[in-house]
Amino acid sequence: MADEGFRNNAHCTIPDDPEQSTYRFIVVASKRARQLQGGARPILPTSAKKPTMIATEEVRRGLVKYTLTGPVLH
C-alpha cells in the first residue's frame, strides 16, 4: 500500500468537524454518555443498553450539538 501511515478513522470522527479530530469525537461522546447516564433520553431509537454505545452512534451521525471553547491553537 502506498499510504502505510494513513489511518481511516471515519468511524470515530464528527461529520461537521473540518479537522477530523478523533480526540474531539471522544470528548463529545463521553459528555453525551454522561448525560445519558444522568437520565437524558436517547435521540435515536435503539436497542443498545450501554450509554457509551448510544452516545457513540449519536455523535457519529452528527446528532449531538457542541460548541468549541477555549483558545484555538494552530
N, C-alpha and C. Protein backbone atom coordinates (compact mmCIF):
# COMPACT_ATOMS: atom_id res chain seq x y z
N MET A 1 0.83 -1.18 0.00
CA MET A 1 0.00 0.00 0.00
C MET A 1 0.87 1.25 0.00
N ALA A 2 0.47 2.22 -0.75
CA ALA A 2 1.23 3.46 -0.85
C ALA A 2 1.08 4.32 0.40
N ASP A 3 -0.08 4.26 1.05
CA ASP A 3 -0.36 5.10 2.21
C ASP A 3 -0.26 4.27 3.49
N GLU A 4 0.92 3.78 3.82
CA GLU A 4 1.12 2.96 5.01
C GLU A 4 0.78 3.73 6.29
N GLY A 5 1.11 5.03 6.35
CA GLY A 5 0.89 5.81 7.55
C GLY A 5 -0.52 6.33 7.70
N PHE A 6 -1.36 6.16 6.71
CA PHE A 6 -2.73 6.70 6.73
C PHE A 6 -3.64 5.75 7.49
N ARG A 7 -4.40 6.30 8.43
CA ARG A 7 -5.39 5.52 9.15
C ARG A 7 -6.76 6.05 8.83
N ASN A 8 -7.65 5.18 8.41
CA ASN A 8 -9.02 5.61 8.15
C ASN A 8 -9.79 5.54 9.45
N ASN A 9 -10.04 6.71 10.05
CA ASN A 9 -10.78 6.74 11.29
C ASN A 9 -12.11 7.46 11.09
N ALA A 10 -12.75 7.23 9.95
CA ALA A 10 -14.04 7.86 9.66
C ALA A 10 -15.10 7.40 10.65
N HIS A 11 -14.94 6.23 11.23
CA HIS A 11 -15.91 5.72 12.18
C HIS A 11 -15.84 6.46 13.52
N CYS A 12 -14.81 7.25 13.74
CA CYS A 12 -14.69 7.96 15.01
C CYS A 12 -14.36 9.43 14.80
N THR A 13 -15.05 10.05 13.85
CA THR A 13 -14.92 11.49 13.66
C THR A 13 -16.31 12.09 13.58
N ILE A 14 -16.39 13.36 13.90
CA ILE A 14 -17.66 14.07 13.87
C ILE A 14 -17.86 14.59 12.45
N PRO A 15 -19.03 14.34 11.84
CA PRO A 15 -19.25 14.72 10.44
C PRO A 15 -18.96 16.18 10.10
N ASP A 16 -19.29 17.12 11.00
CA ASP A 16 -19.09 18.54 10.68
C ASP A 16 -17.76 19.06 11.23
N ASP A 17 -16.83 18.17 11.55
CA ASP A 17 -15.54 18.54 12.10
C ASP A 17 -14.52 18.64 10.97
N PRO A 18 -14.16 19.88 10.55
CA PRO A 18 -13.25 20.02 9.41
C PRO A 18 -11.86 19.45 9.68
N GLU A 19 -11.48 19.34 10.96
CA GLU A 19 -10.16 18.82 11.30
C GLU A 19 -10.17 17.30 11.46
N GLN A 20 -11.34 16.67 11.41
CA GLN A 20 -11.48 15.23 11.59
C GLN A 20 -10.79 14.78 12.88
N SER A 21 -11.11 15.42 13.96
CA SER A 21 -10.46 15.19 15.23
C SER A 21 -11.06 14.00 15.99
N THR A 22 -10.28 12.93 16.12
CA THR A 22 -10.71 11.77 16.89
C THR A 22 -10.83 12.14 18.36
N TYR A 23 -9.91 12.99 18.84
CA TYR A 23 -9.95 13.43 20.23
C TYR A 23 -11.27 14.16 20.52
N ARG A 24 -11.67 15.04 19.62
CA ARG A 24 -12.92 15.78 19.81
C ARG A 24 -14.11 14.82 19.84
N PHE A 25 -14.08 13.83 18.97
CA PHE A 25 -15.14 12.82 18.95
C PHE A 25 -15.26 12.14 20.31
N ILE A 26 -14.14 11.76 20.89
CA ILE A 26 -14.14 11.06 22.17
C ILE A 26 -14.67 11.96 23.28
N VAL A 27 -14.26 13.21 23.29
CA VAL A 27 -14.71 14.15 24.32
C VAL A 27 -16.22 14.38 24.21
N VAL A 28 -16.71 14.63 23.00
CA VAL A 28 -18.14 14.88 22.80
C VAL A 28 -18.95 13.63 23.16
N ALA A 29 -18.51 12.46 22.73
CA ALA A 29 -19.22 11.22 23.02
C ALA A 29 -19.23 10.93 24.52
N SER A 30 -18.13 11.20 25.20
CA SER A 30 -18.09 10.93 26.64
C SER A 30 -19.02 11.86 27.40
N LYS A 31 -19.08 13.12 26.98
CA LYS A 31 -20.01 14.05 27.64
C LYS A 31 -21.46 13.65 27.39
N ARG A 32 -21.74 13.18 26.18
CA ARG A 32 -23.10 12.72 25.86
C ARG A 32 -23.42 11.45 26.67
N ALA A 33 -22.47 10.56 26.82
CA ALA A 33 -22.69 9.34 27.62
C ALA A 33 -23.01 9.70 29.07
N ARG A 34 -22.33 10.72 29.59
CA ARG A 34 -22.62 11.19 30.96
C ARG A 34 -24.05 11.70 31.06
N GLN A 35 -24.50 12.42 30.03
CA GLN A 35 -25.88 12.90 30.03
C GLN A 35 -26.86 11.73 30.05
N LEU A 36 -26.57 10.71 29.24
CA LEU A 36 -27.44 9.53 29.18
C LEU A 36 -27.44 8.79 30.53
N GLN A 37 -26.29 8.69 31.16
CA GLN A 37 -26.21 8.05 32.48
C GLN A 37 -26.99 8.84 33.52
N GLY A 38 -27.07 10.15 33.33
CA GLY A 38 -27.79 11.01 34.25
C GLY A 38 -29.29 11.05 34.01
N GLY A 39 -29.76 10.32 33.02
CA GLY A 39 -31.20 10.24 32.80
C GLY A 39 -31.71 10.85 31.50
N ALA A 40 -30.82 11.45 30.70
CA ALA A 40 -31.26 12.01 29.41
C ALA A 40 -31.74 10.88 28.50
N ARG A 41 -32.69 11.20 27.66
CA ARG A 41 -33.23 10.19 26.76
C ARG A 41 -32.42 10.15 25.47
N PRO A 42 -32.23 8.97 24.90
CA PRO A 42 -31.51 8.85 23.64
C PRO A 42 -32.23 9.57 22.51
N ILE A 43 -31.46 10.13 21.59
CA ILE A 43 -32.02 10.81 20.42
C ILE A 43 -32.54 9.79 19.43
N LEU A 44 -31.81 8.69 19.29
CA LEU A 44 -32.17 7.63 18.35
C LEU A 44 -32.92 6.51 19.05
N PRO A 45 -33.89 5.91 18.37
CA PRO A 45 -34.45 4.68 18.93
C PRO A 45 -33.38 3.59 18.82
N THR A 46 -33.12 2.91 19.91
CA THR A 46 -32.03 1.94 19.91
C THR A 46 -32.34 0.77 20.84
N SER A 47 -31.72 -0.34 20.54
CA SER A 47 -31.83 -1.50 21.43
C SER A 47 -30.59 -1.61 22.31
N ALA A 48 -29.60 -0.73 22.09
CA ALA A 48 -28.38 -0.74 22.88
C ALA A 48 -28.70 -0.34 24.32
N LYS A 49 -28.00 -0.94 25.24
CA LYS A 49 -28.22 -0.64 26.66
C LYS A 49 -27.12 0.25 27.24
N LYS A 50 -25.92 0.17 26.68
CA LYS A 50 -24.80 0.92 27.23
C LYS A 50 -24.82 2.37 26.75
N PRO A 51 -24.75 3.31 27.68
CA PRO A 51 -24.74 4.73 27.31
C PRO A 51 -23.60 5.09 26.36
N THR A 52 -22.44 4.43 26.51
CA THR A 52 -21.31 4.74 25.62
C THR A 52 -21.60 4.36 24.19
N MET A 53 -22.26 3.25 23.97
CA MET A 53 -22.60 2.81 22.61
C MET A 53 -23.65 3.73 21.99
N ILE A 54 -24.63 4.11 22.77
CA ILE A 54 -25.67 5.02 22.29
C ILE A 54 -25.05 6.37 21.94
N ALA A 55 -24.23 6.90 22.84
CA ALA A 55 -23.59 8.20 22.62
C ALA A 55 -22.68 8.17 21.40
N THR A 56 -21.91 7.11 21.24
CA THR A 56 -21.01 6.99 20.10
C THR A 56 -21.78 7.06 18.79
N GLU A 57 -22.88 6.35 18.71
CA GLU A 57 -23.68 6.35 17.47
C GLU A 57 -24.32 7.71 17.23
N GLU A 58 -24.82 8.34 18.27
CA GLU A 58 -25.42 9.67 18.11
C GLU A 58 -24.41 10.69 17.60
N VAL A 59 -23.21 10.66 18.16
CA VAL A 59 -22.16 11.60 17.74
C VAL A 59 -21.71 11.28 16.33
N ARG A 60 -21.53 10.01 16.01
CA ARG A 60 -21.08 9.61 14.67
C ARG A 60 -22.06 10.09 13.60
N ARG A 61 -23.33 10.08 13.92
CA ARG A 61 -24.35 10.54 12.96
C ARG A 61 -24.53 12.05 12.96
N GLY A 62 -23.84 12.74 13.82
CA GLY A 62 -23.91 14.21 13.84
C GLY A 62 -25.15 14.73 14.54
N LEU A 63 -25.73 13.96 15.44
CA LEU A 63 -26.96 14.37 16.12
C LEU A 63 -26.71 15.13 17.41
N VAL A 64 -25.49 15.14 17.88
CA VAL A 64 -25.16 15.82 19.13
C VAL A 64 -24.52 17.16 18.78
N LYS A 65 -25.12 18.22 19.28
CA LYS A 65 -24.61 19.57 19.02
C LYS A 65 -23.59 19.94 20.09
N TYR A 66 -22.53 20.62 19.69
CA TYR A 66 -21.49 21.03 20.62
C TYR A 66 -20.91 22.35 20.15
N THR A 67 -20.25 23.05 21.07
CA THR A 67 -19.55 24.29 20.73
C THR A 67 -18.12 24.17 21.22
N LEU A 68 -17.21 24.78 20.47
CA LEU A 68 -15.80 24.77 20.86
C LEU A 68 -15.57 25.92 21.82
N THR A 69 -14.81 25.64 22.87
CA THR A 69 -14.46 26.67 23.84
C THR A 69 -12.95 26.68 24.01
N GLY A 70 -12.46 27.75 24.53
CA GLY A 70 -11.02 27.85 24.78
C GLY A 70 -10.28 28.40 23.57
N PRO A 71 -8.97 28.53 23.72
CA PRO A 71 -8.16 29.09 22.63
C PRO A 71 -8.03 28.11 21.47
N VAL A 72 -7.96 28.65 20.28
CA VAL A 72 -7.75 27.85 19.08
C VAL A 72 -6.26 27.83 18.80
N LEU A 73 -5.67 26.65 18.79
CA LEU A 73 -4.23 26.50 18.54
C LEU A 73 -4.00 26.08 17.11
N HIS A 74 -3.07 26.70 16.46
CA HIS A 74 -2.76 26.35 15.07
C HIS A 74 -1.36 25.81 14.97
